[in-house]
Amino acid sequence: ISSKTREIVKSLKHKGLKIVAATGRPLSLCEEIRELGIDTLITANGAF
């Protein structure tokens, strides 16, 4: 995950947009995503 992408997530949140990760990963493999400041996670392709 590039530093540019990290900054984009911060900028979007600063503008007041909600940010959601929607992934095929299970929740346990989303720590790096949480570290970006993303606290809404669609995991397991939508099952959890």
ModelCIF file with pLDDT and N, C-alpha, C, O atoms, coordinates in Angstrom:
data_MODEL
#
_entry.id   MODEL 
#
_entity.id                         1 
_entity.type                       polymer 
_entity.pdbx_number_of_molecules   1 
#
_entity_poly.entity_id                      1 
_entity_poly.type                           'polypeptide(L)' 
_entity_poly.nstd_linkage                   no 
_entity_poly.nstd_monomer                   no 
_entity_poly.pdbx_seq_one_letter_code       ISSKTREIVKSLKHKGLKIVAATGRPLSLCEEIRELGIDTLITANGAF 
_entity_poly.pdbx_seq_one_letter_code_can   ISSKTREIVKSLKHKGLKIVAATGRPLSLCEEIRELGIDTLITANGAF 
_entity_poly.pdbx_strand_id                 A 
#
loop_
_entity_poly_seq.entity_id 
_entity_poly_seq.num 
_entity_poly_seq.mon_id 
_entity_poly_seq.hetero 
1 1  ILE n 
1 2  SER n 
1 3  SER n 
1 4  LYS n 
1 5  THR n 
1 6  ARG n 
1 7  GLU n 
1 8  ILE n 
1 9  VAL n 
1 10 LYS n 
1 11 SER n 
1 12 LEU n 
1 13 LYS n 
1 14 HIS n 
1 15 LYS n 
1 16 GLY n 
1 17 LEU n 
1 18 LYS n 
1 19 ILE n 
1 20 VAL n 
1 21 ALA n 
1 22 ALA n 
1 23 THR n 
1 24 GLY n 
1 25 ARG n 
1 26 PRO n 
1 27 LEU n 
1 28 SER n 
1 29 LEU n 
1 30 CYS n 
1 31 GLU n 
1 32 GLU n 
1 33 ILE n 
1 34 ARG n 
1 35 GLU n 
1 36 LEU n 
1 37 GLY n 
1 38 ILE n 
1 39 ASP n 
1 40 THR n 
1 41 LEU n 
1 42 ILE n 
1 43 THR n 
1 44 ALA n 
1 45 ASN n 
1 46 GLY n 
1 47 ALA n 
1 48 PHE n 
#
_struct_asym.id          A 
_struct_asym.entity_id   1 
#
loop_
_ma_qa_metric.id 
_ma_qa_metric.mode 
_ma_qa_metric.name 
_ma_qa_metric.software_group_id 
_ma_qa_metric.type 
1 global pLDDT . pLDDT 
2 local  pLDDT . pLDDT 
#
_ma_qa_metric_global.metric_id      1 
_ma_qa_metric_global.metric_value   95.56 
_ma_qa_metric_global.model_id       1 
_ma_qa_metric_global.ordinal_id     1 
#
loop_
_ma_qa_metric_local.label_asym_id 
_ma_qa_metric_local.label_comp_id 
_ma_qa_metric_local.label_seq_id 
_ma_qa_metric_local.metric_id 
_ma_qa_metric_local.metric_value 
_ma_qa_metric_local.model_id 
_ma_qa_metric_local.ordinal_id 
A ILE 1  2 95.00 1 1  
A SER 2  2 95.00 1 2  
A SER 3  2 95.00 1 3  
A LYS 4  2 95.00 1 4  
A THR 5  2 96.00 1 5  
A ARG 6  2 97.00 1 6  
A GLU 7  2 97.00 1 7  
A ILE 8  2 97.00 1 8  
A VAL 9  2 97.00 1 9  
A LYS 10 2 97.00 1 10 
A SER 11 2 97.00 1 11 
A LEU 12 2 98.00 1 12 
A LYS 13 2 97.00 1 13 
A HIS 14 2 97.00 1 14 
A LYS 15 2 96.00 1 15 
A GLY 16 2 97.00 1 16 
A LEU 17 2 98.00 1 17 
A LYS 18 2 98.00 1 18 
A ILE 19 2 98.00 1 19 
A VAL 20 2 98.00 1 20 
A ALA 21 2 98.00 1 21 
A ALA 22 2 98.00 1 22 
A THR 23 2 94.00 1 23 
A GLY 24 2 89.00 1 24 
A ARG 25 2 91.00 1 25 
A PRO 26 2 92.00 1 26 
A LEU 27 2 94.00 1 27 
A SER 28 2 92.00 1 28 
A LEU 29 2 92.00 1 29 
A CYS 30 2 95.00 1 30 
A GLU 31 2 94.00 1 31 
A GLU 32 2 94.00 1 32 
A ILE 33 2 96.00 1 33 
A ARG 34 2 96.00 1 34 
A GLU 35 2 95.00 1 35 
A LEU 36 2 96.00 1 36 
A GLY 37 2 96.00 1 37 
A ILE 38 2 98.00 1 38 
A ASP 39 2 96.00 1 39 
A THR 40 2 98.00 1 40 
A LEU 41 2 98.00 1 41 
A ILE 42 2 98.00 1 42 
A THR 43 2 95.00 1 43 
A ALA 44 2 92.00 1 44 
A ASN 45 2 91.00 1 45 
A GLY 46 2 94.00 1 46 
A ALA 47 2 94.00 1 47 
A PHE 48 2 96.00 1 48 
#
loop_
_atom_site.group_PDB 
_atom_site.id 
_atom_site.type_symbol 
_atom_site.label_atom_id 
_atom_site.label_alt_id 
_atom_site.label_comp_id 
_atom_site.label_asym_id 
_atom_site.label_entity_id 
_atom_site.label_seq_id 
_atom_site.pdbx_PDB_ins_code 
_atom_site.Cartn_x 
_atom_site.Cartn_y 
_atom_site.Cartn_z 
_atom_site.occupancy 
_atom_site.B_iso_or_equiv 
_atom_site.pdbx_formal_charge 
_atom_site.auth_seq_id 
_atom_site.auth_comp_id 
_atom_site.auth_asym_id 
_atom_site.auth_atom_id 
_atom_site.pdbx_PDB_model_num 
ATOM 1   N N  . ILE A 1 1  ? 0.869   -1.178  0.000  1.00 95.00 ? 1  ILE A N  1 
ATOM 2   C CA . ILE A 1 1  ? 0.000   0.000   0.000  1.00 95.00 ? 1  ILE A CA 1 
ATOM 3   C C  . ILE A 1 1  ? 0.902   1.222   0.000  1.00 95.00 ? 1  ILE A C  1 
ATOM 4   O O  . ILE A 1 1  ? 1.693   1.412   0.924  1.00 95.00 ? 1  ILE A O  1 
ATOM 5   N N  . SER A 1 2  ? 0.789   2.046   -1.023 1.00 95.00 ? 2  SER A N  1 
ATOM 6   C CA . SER A 1 2  ? 1.700   3.171   -1.189 1.00 95.00 ? 2  SER A CA 1 
ATOM 7   C C  . SER A 1 2  ? 1.390   4.301   -0.205 1.00 95.00 ? 2  SER A C  1 
ATOM 8   O O  . SER A 1 2  ? 0.289   4.388   0.340  1.00 95.00 ? 2  SER A O  1 
ATOM 9   N N  . SER A 1 3  ? 2.371   5.151   0.004  1.00 95.00 ? 3  SER A N  1 
ATOM 10  C CA . SER A 1 3  ? 2.164   6.323   0.857  1.00 95.00 ? 3  SER A CA 1 
ATOM 11  C C  . SER A 1 3  ? 1.126   7.249   0.240  1.00 95.00 ? 3  SER A C  1 
ATOM 12  O O  . SER A 1 3  ? 0.383   7.921   0.956  1.00 95.00 ? 3  SER A O  1 
ATOM 13  N N  . LYS A 1 4  ? 1.076   7.285   -1.101 1.00 95.00 ? 4  LYS A N  1 
ATOM 14  C CA . LYS A 1 4  ? 0.074   8.110   -1.790 1.00 95.00 ? 4  LYS A CA 1 
ATOM 15  C C  . LYS A 1 4  ? -1.340  7.626   -1.455 1.00 95.00 ? 4  LYS A C  1 
ATOM 16  O O  . LYS A 1 4  ? -2.228  8.434   -1.181 1.00 95.00 ? 4  LYS A O  1 
ATOM 17  N N  . THR A 1 5  ? -1.541  6.319   -1.477 1.00 96.00 ? 5  THR A N  1 
ATOM 18  C CA . THR A 1 5  ? -2.856  5.763   -1.153 1.00 96.00 ? 5  THR A CA 1 
ATOM 19  C C  . THR A 1 5  ? -3.231  6.067   0.298  1.00 96.00 ? 5  THR A C  1 
ATOM 20  O O  . THR A 1 5  ? -4.382  6.386   0.597  1.00 96.00 ? 5  THR A O  1 
ATOM 21  N N  . ARG A 1 6  ? -2.259  5.967   1.185  1.00 97.00 ? 6  ARG A N  1 
ATOM 22  C CA . ARG A 1 6  ? -2.514  6.286   2.599  1.00 97.00 ? 6  ARG A CA 1 
ATOM 23  C C  . ARG A 1 6  ? -2.961  7.733   2.759  1.00 97.00 ? 6  ARG A C  1 
ATOM 24  O O  . ARG A 1 6  ? -3.868  8.031   3.536  1.00 97.00 ? 6  ARG A O  1 
ATOM 25  N N  . GLU A 1 7  ? -2.317  8.626   2.018  1.00 97.00 ? 7  GLU A N  1 
ATOM 26  C CA . GLU A 1 7  ? -2.673  10.040  2.098  1.00 97.00 ? 7  GLU A CA 1 
ATOM 27  C C  . GLU A 1 7  ? -4.056  10.293  1.519  1.00 97.00 ? 7  GLU A C  1 
ATOM 28  O O  . GLU A 1 7  ? -4.797  11.137  2.023  1.00 97.00 ? 7  GLU A O  1 
ATOM 29  N N  . ILE A 1 8  ? -4.409  9.568   0.465  1.00 97.00 ? 8  ILE A N  1 
ATOM 30  C CA . ILE A 1 8  ? -5.726  9.727   -0.156 1.00 97.00 ? 8  ILE A CA 1 
ATOM 31  C C  . ILE A 1 8  ? -6.832  9.349   0.832  1.00 97.00 ? 8  ILE A C  1 
ATOM 32  O O  . ILE A 1 8  ? -7.835  10.053  0.954  1.00 97.00 ? 8  ILE A O  1 
ATOM 33  N N  . VAL A 1 9  ? -6.637  8.235   1.534  1.00 97.00 ? 9  VAL A N  1 
ATOM 34  C CA . VAL A 1 9  ? -7.637  7.818   2.529  1.00 97.00 ? 9  VAL A CA 1 
ATOM 35  C C  . VAL A 1 9  ? -7.803  8.894   3.593  1.00 97.00 ? 9  VAL A C  1 
ATOM 36  O O  . VAL A 1 9  ? -8.926  9.204   3.989  1.00 97.00 ? 9  VAL A O  1 
ATOM 37  N N  . LYS A 1 10 ? -6.702  9.462   4.058  1.00 97.00 ? 10 LYS A N  1 
ATOM 38  C CA . LYS A 1 10 ? -6.755  10.526  5.062  1.00 97.00 ? 10 LYS A CA 1 
ATOM 39  C C  . LYS A 1 10 ? -7.490  11.751  4.510  1.00 97.00 ? 10 LYS A C  1 
ATOM 40  O O  . LYS A 1 10 ? -8.305  12.362  5.201  1.00 97.00 ? 10 LYS A O  1 
ATOM 41  N N  . SER A 1 11 ? -7.192  12.094  3.268  1.00 97.00 ? 11 SER A N  1 
ATOM 42  C CA . SER A 1 11 ? -7.824  13.272  2.655  1.00 97.00 ? 11 SER A CA 1 
ATOM 43  C C  . SER A 1 11 ? -9.326  13.097  2.500  1.00 97.00 ? 11 SER A C  1 
ATOM 44  O O  . SER A 1 11 ? -10.097 14.022  2.755  1.00 97.00 ? 11 SER A O  1 
ATOM 45  N N  . LEU A 1 12 ? -9.736  11.906  2.083  1.00 98.00 ? 12 LEU A N  1 
ATOM 46  C CA . LEU A 1 12 ? -11.165 11.634  1.928  1.00 98.00 ? 12 LEU A CA 1 
ATOM 47  C C  . LEU A 1 12 ? -11.888 11.715  3.269  1.00 98.00 ? 12 LEU A C  1 
ATOM 48  O O  . LEU A 1 12 ? -12.980 12.276  3.364  1.00 98.00 ? 12 LEU A O  1 
ATOM 49  N N  . LYS A 1 13 ? -11.272 11.154  4.297  1.00 97.00 ? 13 LYS A N  1 
ATOM 50  C CA . LYS A 1 13 ? -11.880 11.212  5.630  1.00 97.00 ? 13 LYS A CA 1 
ATOM 51  C C  . LYS A 1 13 ? -11.941 12.653  6.131  1.00 97.00 ? 13 LYS A C  1 
ATOM 52  O O  . LYS A 1 13 ? -12.919 13.059  6.759  1.00 97.00 ? 13 LYS A O  1 
ATOM 53  N N  . HIS A 1 14 ? -10.897 13.417  5.850  1.00 97.00 ? 14 HIS A N  1 
ATOM 54  C CA . HIS A 1 14 ? -10.862 14.821  6.264  1.00 97.00 ? 14 HIS A CA 1 
ATOM 55  C C  . HIS A 1 14 ? -11.987 15.613  5.599  1.00 97.00 ? 14 HIS A C  1 
ATOM 56  O O  . HIS A 1 14 ? -12.520 16.559  6.180  1.00 97.00 ? 14 HIS A O  1 
ATOM 57  N N  . LYS A 1 15 ? -12.344 15.215  4.368  1.00 96.00 ? 15 LYS A N  1 
ATOM 58  C CA . LYS A 1 15 ? -13.440 15.869  3.649  1.00 96.00 ? 15 LYS A CA 1 
ATOM 59  C C  . LYS A 1 15 ? -14.808 15.411  4.141  1.00 96.00 ? 15 LYS A C  1 
ATOM 60  O O  . LYS A 1 15 ? -15.837 15.940  3.721  1.00 96.00 ? 15 LYS A O  1 
ATOM 61  N N  . GLY A 1 16 ? -14.811 14.414  5.042  1.00 97.00 ? 16 GLY A N  1 
ATOM 62  C CA . GLY A 1 16 ? -16.061 13.945  5.621  1.00 97.00 ? 16 GLY A CA 1 
ATOM 63  C C  . GLY A 1 16 ? -16.676 12.742  4.938  1.00 97.00 ? 16 GLY A C  1 
ATOM 64  O O  . GLY A 1 16 ? -17.794 12.353  5.275  1.00 97.00 ? 16 GLY A O  1 
ATOM 65  N N  . LEU A 1 17 ? -15.972 12.136  3.979  1.00 98.00 ? 17 LEU A N  1 
ATOM 66  C CA . LEU A 1 17 ? -16.505 10.953  3.313  1.00 98.00 ? 17 LEU A CA 1 
ATOM 67  C C  . LEU A 1 17 ? -16.288 9.711   4.172  1.00 98.00 ? 17 LEU A C  1 
ATOM 68  O O  . LEU A 1 17 ? -15.273 9.584   4.856  1.00 98.00 ? 17 LEU A O  1 
ATOM 69  N N  . LYS A 1 18 ? -17.248 8.805   4.127  1.00 98.00 ? 18 LYS A N  1 
ATOM 70  C CA . LYS A 1 18 ? -17.085 7.499   4.752  1.00 98.00 ? 18 LYS A CA 1 
ATOM 71  C C  . LYS A 1 18 ? -16.220 6.632   3.847  1.00 98.00 ? 18 LYS A C  1 
ATOM 72  O O  . LYS A 1 18 ? -16.365 6.664   2.625  1.00 98.00 ? 18 LYS A O  1 
ATOM 73  N N  . ILE A 1 19 ? -15.331 5.865   4.441  1.00 98.00 ? 19 ILE A N  1 
ATOM 74  C CA . ILE A 1 19 ? -14.456 4.985   3.671  1.00 98.00 ? 19 ILE A CA 1 
ATOM 75  C C  . ILE A 1 19 ? -14.699 3.551   4.112  1.00 98.00 ? 19 ILE A C  1 
ATOM 76  O O  . ILE A 1 19 ? -14.673 3.248   5.305  1.00 98.00 ? 19 ILE A O  1 
ATOM 77  N N  . VAL A 1 20 ? -14.936 2.671   3.148  1.00 98.00 ? 20 VAL A N  1 
ATOM 78  C CA . VAL A 1 20 ? -15.234 1.269   3.435  1.00 98.00 ? 20 VAL A CA 1 
ATOM 79  C C  . VAL A 1 20 ? -14.322 0.391   2.577  1.00 98.00 ? 20 VAL A C  1 
ATOM 80  O O  . VAL A 1 20 ? -14.159 0.631   1.381  1.00 98.00 ? 20 VAL A O  1 
ATOM 81  N N  . ALA A 1 21 ? -13.738 -0.613  3.195  1.00 98.00 ? 21 ALA A N  1 
ATOM 82  C CA . ALA A 1 21 ? -13.001 -1.630  2.447  1.00 98.00 ? 21 ALA A CA 1 
ATOM 83  C C  . ALA A 1 21 ? -13.939 -2.796  2.188  1.00 98.00 ? 21 ALA A C  1 
ATOM 84  O O  . ALA A 1 21 ? -14.604 -3.277  3.106  1.00 98.00 ? 21 ALA A O  1 
ATOM 85  N N  . ALA A 1 22 ? -13.997 -3.251  0.946  1.00 98.00 ? 22 ALA A N  1 
ATOM 86  C CA . ALA A 1 22 ? -14.853 -4.385  0.574  1.00 98.00 ? 22 ALA A CA 1 
ATOM 87  C C  . ALA A 1 22 ? -13.949 -5.440  -0.055 1.00 98.00 ? 22 ALA A C  1 
ATOM 88  O O  . ALA A 1 22 ? -13.489 -5.280  -1.185 1.00 98.00 ? 22 ALA A O  1 
ATOM 89  N N  . THR A 1 23 ? -13.702 -6.502  0.674  1.00 94.00 ? 23 THR A N  1 
ATOM 90  C CA . THR A 1 23 ? -12.644 -7.423  0.296  1.00 94.00 ? 23 THR A CA 1 
ATOM 91  C C  . THR A 1 23 ? -13.052 -8.890  0.382  1.00 94.00 ? 23 THR A C  1 
ATOM 92  O O  . THR A 1 23 ? -14.004 -9.251  1.074  1.00 94.00 ? 23 THR A O  1 
ATOM 93  N N  . GLY A 1 24 ? -12.321 -9.707  -0.326 1.00 89.00 ? 24 GLY A N  1 
ATOM 94  C CA . GLY A 1 24 ? -12.479 -11.145 -0.179 1.00 89.00 ? 24 GLY A CA 1 
ATOM 95  C C  . GLY A 1 24 ? -11.734 -11.679 1.027  1.00 89.00 ? 24 GLY A C  1 
ATOM 96  O O  . GLY A 1 24 ? -11.906 -12.842 1.394  1.00 89.00 ? 24 GLY A O  1 
ATOM 97  N N  . ARG A 1 25 ? -10.913 -10.856 1.645  1.00 91.00 ? 25 ARG A N  1 
ATOM 98  C CA . ARG A 1 25 ? -10.142 -11.284 2.814  1.00 91.00 ? 25 ARG A CA 1 
ATOM 99  C C  . ARG A 1 25 ? -11.046 -11.571 4.008  1.00 91.00 ? 25 ARG A C  1 
ATOM 100 O O  . ARG A 1 25 ? -12.130 -10.997 4.119  1.00 91.00 ? 25 ARG A O  1 
ATOM 101 N N  . PRO A 1 26 ? -10.606 -12.460 4.905  1.00 92.00 ? 26 PRO A N  1 
ATOM 102 C CA . PRO A 1 26 ? -11.279 -12.583 6.196  1.00 92.00 ? 26 PRO A CA 1 
ATOM 103 C C  . PRO A 1 26 ? -10.881 -11.405 7.079  1.00 92.00 ? 26 PRO A C  1 
ATOM 104 O O  . PRO A 1 26 ? -9.915  -10.704 6.782  1.00 92.00 ? 26 PRO A O  1 
ATOM 105 N N  . LEU A 1 27 ? -11.613 -11.190 8.146  1.00 94.00 ? 27 LEU A N  1 
ATOM 106 C CA . LEU A 1 27 ? -11.363 -10.047 9.019  1.00 94.00 ? 27 LEU A CA 1 
ATOM 107 C C  . LEU A 1 27 ? -9.947  -10.050 9.581  1.00 94.00 ? 27 LEU A C  1 
ATOM 108 O O  . LEU A 1 27 ? -9.345  -8.989  9.745  1.00 94.00 ? 27 LEU A O  1 
ATOM 109 N N  . SER A 1 28 ? -9.408  -11.228 9.878  1.00 92.00 ? 28 SER A N  1 
ATOM 110 C CA . SER A 1 28 ? -8.085  -11.314 10.499 1.00 92.00 ? 28 SER A CA 1 
ATOM 111 C C  . SER A 1 28 ? -6.971  -10.815 9.592  1.00 92.00 ? 28 SER A C  1 
ATOM 112 O O  . SER A 1 28 ? -5.885  -10.492 10.074 1.00 92.00 ? 28 SER A O  1 
ATOM 113 N N  . LEU A 1 29 ? -7.219  -10.746 8.287  1.00 92.00 ? 29 LEU A N  1 
ATOM 114 C CA . LEU A 1 29 ? -6.198  -10.264 7.357  1.00 92.00 ? 29 LEU A CA 1 
ATOM 115 C C  . LEU A 1 29 ? -6.429  -8.809  6.959  1.00 92.00 ? 29 LEU A C  1 
ATOM 116 O O  . LEU A 1 29 ? -5.956  -8.359  5.915  1.00 92.00 ? 29 LEU A O  1 
ATOM 117 N N  . CYS A 1 30 ? -7.165  -8.076  7.806  1.00 95.00 ? 30 CYS A N  1 
ATOM 118 C CA . CYS A 1 30 ? -7.495  -6.681  7.489  1.00 95.00 ? 30 CYS A CA 1 
ATOM 119 C C  . CYS A 1 30 ? -6.824  -5.669  8.422  1.00 95.00 ? 30 CYS A C  1 
ATOM 120 O O  . CYS A 1 30 ? -7.192  -4.494  8.424  1.00 95.00 ? 30 CYS A O  1 
ATOM 121 N N  . GLU A 1 31 ? -5.850  -6.112  9.210  1.00 94.00 ? 31 GLU A N  1 
ATOM 122 C CA . GLU A 1 31 ? -5.211  -5.189  10.144 1.00 94.00 ? 31 GLU A CA 1 
ATOM 123 C C  . GLU A 1 31 ? -4.526  -4.043  9.425  1.00 94.00 ? 31 GLU A C  1 
ATOM 124 O O  . GLU A 1 31 ? -4.588  -2.900  9.878  1.00 94.00 ? 31 GLU A O  1 
ATOM 125 N N  . GLU A 1 32 ? -3.871  -4.335  8.303  1.00 94.00 ? 32 GLU A N  1 
ATOM 126 C CA . GLU A 1 32 ? -3.215  -3.287  7.536  1.00 94.00 ? 32 GLU A CA 1 
ATOM 127 C C  . GLU A 1 32 ? -4.227  -2.274  7.023  1.00 94.00 ? 32 GLU A C  1 
ATOM 128 O O  . GLU A 1 32 ? -3.924  -1.088  6.892  1.00 94.00 ? 32 GLU A O  1 
ATOM 129 N N  . ILE A 1 33 ? -5.429  -2.751  6.735  1.00 96.00 ? 33 ILE A N  1 
ATOM 130 C CA . ILE A 1 33 ? -6.492  -1.853  6.266  1.00 96.00 ? 33 ILE A CA 1 
ATOM 131 C C  . ILE A 1 33 ? -6.990  -0.985  7.417  1.00 96.00 ? 33 ILE A C  1 
ATOM 132 O O  . ILE A 1 33 ? -7.229  0.209   7.238  1.00 96.00 ? 33 ILE A O  1 
ATOM 133 N N  . ARG A 1 34 ? -7.145  -1.576  8.584  1.00 96.00 ? 34 ARG A N  1 
ATOM 134 C CA . ARG A 1 34 ? -7.547  -0.793  9.767  1.00 96.00 ? 34 ARG A CA 1 
ATOM 135 C C  . ARG A 1 34 ? -6.524  0.308   10.063 1.00 96.00 ? 34 ARG A C  1 
ATOM 136 O O  . ARG A 1 34 ? -6.881  1.412   10.473 1.00 96.00 ? 34 ARG A O  1 
ATOM 137 N N  . GLU A 1 35 ? -5.250  -0.016  9.846  1.00 95.00 ? 35 GLU A N  1 
ATOM 138 C CA . GLU A 1 35 ? -4.190  0.956   10.124 1.00 95.00 ? 35 GLU A CA 1 
ATOM 139 C C  . GLU A 1 35 ? -4.268  2.180   9.211  1.00 95.00 ? 35 GLU A C  1 
ATOM 140 O O  . GLU A 1 35 ? -3.718  3.233   9.533  1.00 95.00 ? 35 GLU A O  1 
ATOM 141 N N  . LEU A 1 36 ? -4.953  2.040   8.072  1.00 96.00 ? 36 LEU A N  1 
ATOM 142 C CA . LEU A 1 36 ? -5.165  3.186   7.194  1.00 96.00 ? 36 LEU A CA 1 
ATOM 143 C C  . LEU A 1 36 ? -6.196  4.154   7.773  1.00 96.00 ? 36 LEU A C  1 
ATOM 144 O O  . LEU A 1 36 ? -6.329  5.285   7.307  1.00 96.00 ? 36 LEU A O  1 
ATOM 145 N N  . GLY A 1 37 ? -6.922  3.695   8.793  1.00 96.00 ? 37 GLY A N  1 
ATOM 146 C CA . GLY A 1 37 ? -7.997  4.493   9.358  1.00 96.00 ? 37 GLY A CA 1 
ATOM 147 C C  . GLY A 1 37 ? -9.365  4.095   8.842  1.00 96.00 ? 37 GLY A C  1 
ATOM 148 O O  . GLY A 1 37 ? -10.350 4.809   9.034  1.00 96.00 ? 37 GLY A O  1 
ATOM 149 N N  . ILE A 1 38 ? -9.413  2.935   8.178  1.00 98.00 ? 38 ILE A N  1 
ATOM 150 C CA . ILE A 1 38 ? -10.696 2.427   7.665  1.00 98.00 ? 38 ILE A CA 1 
ATOM 151 C C  . ILE A 1 38 ? -11.311 1.519   8.727  1.00 98.00 ? 38 ILE A C  1 
ATOM 152 O O  . ILE A 1 38 ? -10.739 0.484   9.070  1.00 98.00 ? 38 ILE A O  1 
ATOM 153 N N  . ASP A 1 39 ? -12.474 1.906   9.246  1.00 96.00 ? 39 ASP A N  1 
ATOM 154 C CA . ASP A 1 39 ? -13.076 1.152   10.341 1.00 96.00 ? 39 ASP A CA 1 
ATOM 155 C C  . ASP A 1 39 ? -14.378 0.450   9.957  1.00 96.00 ? 39 ASP A C  1 
ATOM 156 O O  . ASP A 1 39 ? -15.039 -0.144  10.808 1.00 96.00 ? 39 ASP A O  1 
ATOM 157 N N  . THR A 1 40 ? -14.747 0.520   8.672  1.00 98.00 ? 40 THR A N  1 
ATOM 158 C CA . THR A 1 40 ? -15.887 -0.242  8.177  1.00 98.00 ? 40 THR A CA 1 
ATOM 159 C C  . THR A 1 40 ? -15.360 -1.244  7.161  1.00 98.00 ? 40 THR A C  1 
ATOM 160 O O  . THR A 1 40 ? -14.760 -0.862  6.156  1.00 98.00 ? 40 THR A O  1 
ATOM 161 N N  . LEU A 1 41 ? -15.583 -2.513  7.422  1.00 98.00 ? 41 LEU A N  1 
ATOM 162 C CA . LEU A 1 41 ? -14.965 -3.571  6.639  1.00 98.00 ? 41 LEU A CA 1 
ATOM 163 C C  . LEU A 1 41 ? -15.993 -4.596  6.177  1.00 98.00 ? 41 LEU A C  1 
ATOM 164 O O  . LEU A 1 41 ? -16.645 -5.252  6.990  1.00 98.00 ? 41 LEU A O  1 
ATOM 165 N N  . ILE A 1 42 ? -16.125 -4.721  4.872  1.00 98.00 ? 42 ILE A N  1 
ATOM 166 C CA . ILE A 1 42 ? -16.910 -5.804  4.271  1.00 98.00 ? 42 ILE A CA 1 
ATOM 167 C C  . ILE A 1 42 ? -15.914 -6.911  3.942  1.00 98.00 ? 42 ILE A C  1 
ATOM 168 O O  . ILE A 1 42 ? -15.039 -6.723  3.097  1.00 98.00 ? 42 ILE A O  1 
ATOM 169 N N  . THR A 1 43 ? -16.036 -8.056  4.596  1.00 95.00 ? 43 THR A N  1 
ATOM 170 C CA . THR A 1 43 ? -15.051 -9.119  4.425  1.00 95.00 ? 43 THR A CA 1 
ATOM 171 C C  . THR A 1 43 ? -15.711 -10.375 3.846  1.00 95.00 ? 43 THR A C  1 
ATOM 172 O O  . THR A 1 43 ? -16.933 -10.455 3.716  1.00 95.00 ? 43 THR A O  1 
ATOM 173 N N  . ALA A 1 44 ? -14.868 -11.349 3.505  1.00 92.00 ? 44 ALA A N  1 
ATOM 174 C CA . ALA A 1 44 ? -15.338 -12.634 2.966  1.00 92.00 ? 44 ALA A CA 1 
ATOM 175 C C  . ALA A 1 44 ? -16.290 -12.441 1.788  1.00 92.00 ? 44 ALA A C  1 
ATOM 176 O O  . ALA A 1 44 ? -17.307 -13.124 1.669  1.00 92.00 ? 44 ALA A O  1 
ATOM 177 N N  . ASN A 1 45 ? -15.930 -11.487 0.915  1.00 91.00 ? 45 ASN A N  1 
ATOM 178 C CA . ASN A 1 45 ? -16.728 -11.189 -0.289 1.00 91.00 ? 45 ASN A CA 1 
ATOM 179 C C  . ASN A 1 45 ? -18.155 -10.758 0.008  1.00 91.00 ? 45 ASN A C  1 
ATOM 180 O O  . ASN A 1 45 ? -19.042 -10.889 -0.835 1.00 91.00 ? 45 ASN A O  1 
ATOM 181 N N  . GLY A 1 46 ? -18.368 -10.243 1.216  1.00 94.00 ? 46 GLY A N  1 
ATOM 182 C CA . GLY A 1 46 ? -19.689 -9.720  1.563  1.00 94.00 ? 46 GLY A CA 1 
ATOM 183 C C  . GLY A 1 46 ? -20.426 -10.491 2.635  1.00 94.00 ? 46 GLY A C  1 
ATOM 184 O O  . GLY A 1 46 ? -21.539 -10.118 3.007  1.00 94.00 ? 46 GLY A O  1 
ATOM 185 N N  . ALA A 1 47 ? -19.825 -11.569 3.145  1.00 94.00 ? 47 ALA A N  1 
ATOM 186 C CA . ALA A 1 47 ? -20.536 -12.417 4.105  1.00 94.00 ? 47 ALA A CA 1 
ATOM 187 C C  . ALA A 1 47 ? -20.429 -11.935 5.549  1.00 94.00 ? 47 ALA A C  1 
ATOM 188 O O  . ALA A 1 47 ? -21.234 -12.331 6.393  1.00 94.00 ? 47 ALA A O  1 
ATOM 189 N N  . PHE A 1 48 ? -19.436 -11.076 5.847  1.00 96.00 ? 48 PHE A N  1 
ATOM 190 C CA . PHE A 1 48 ? -19.254 -10.619 7.226  1.00 96.00 ? 48 PHE A CA 1 
ATOM 191 C C  . PHE A 1 48 ? -18.800 -9.165  7.202  1.00 96.00 ? 48 PHE A C  1 
ATOM 192 O O  . PHE A 1 48 ? -18.584 -8.568  8.256  1.00 96.00 ? 48 PHE A O  1 
#
